[in-house]
């Protein structure tokens, strides 16, 4: 029972993290491209 609850908690946490990562990812990519000297 505890393992099932722990797995559910981990799954919800990972899903929440991926949701934030997918929202932030475009901003991080554009920031890296704009600050990268190779694109100049």
Protein backbone atom coordinates (compact mmCIF):
# COMPACT_ATOMS: atom_id res chain seq x y z
CA UNK A 1 0.00 0.00 0.00
CA UNK A 2 2.80 2.39 0.89
CA UNK A 3 4.68 1.51 -2.29
CA UNK A 4 1.59 2.16 -4.40
CA UNK A 5 1.11 5.56 -2.75
CA UNK A 6 4.77 6.39 -3.21
CA UNK A 7 4.65 5.43 -6.90
CA UNK A 8 1.57 7.59 -7.41
CA UNK A 9 3.26 10.53 -5.70
CA UNK A 10 6.41 10.14 -7.79
CA UNK A 11 4.38 9.90 -11.01
CA UNK A 12 2.44 13.06 -10.19
CA UNK A 13 5.65 14.89 -9.27
CA UNK A 14 7.38 13.84 -12.51
CA UNK A 15 4.34 14.88 -14.56
CA UNK A 16 4.29 18.27 -12.80
CA UNK A 17 8.00 18.76 -13.41
CA UNK A 18 7.67 17.83 -17.10
CA UNK A 19 4.80 20.31 -17.46
CA UNK A 20 7.01 23.10 -16.10
CA UNK A 21 10.00 21.97 -18.16
CA UNK A 22 7.99 21.97 -21.38
CA UNK A 23 6.77 25.50 -20.58
CA UNK A 24 10.26 26.81 -19.76
CA UNK A 25 12.16 24.93 -22.48
CA UNK A 26 11.46 27.38 -25.36
CA UNK A 27 12.67 30.32 -23.25
CA UNK A 28 15.85 28.45 -22.29
CA UNK A 29 16.54 27.50 -25.91
CA UNK A 30 16.06 31.04 -27.20
CA UNK A 31 18.22 32.40 -24.38
CA UNK A 32 21.02 29.95 -25.17
CA UNK A 33 20.82 30.76 -28.88
CA UNK A 34 20.85 34.52 -28.29
CA UNK A 35 23.83 34.25 -25.90
CA UNK A 36 25.74 31.78 -28.03
CA UNK A 37 28.70 33.40 -29.84
CA UNK A 38 28.57 30.80 -32.63
CA UNK A 39 25.33 32.32 -33.99
CA UNK A 40 26.85 35.77 -34.36
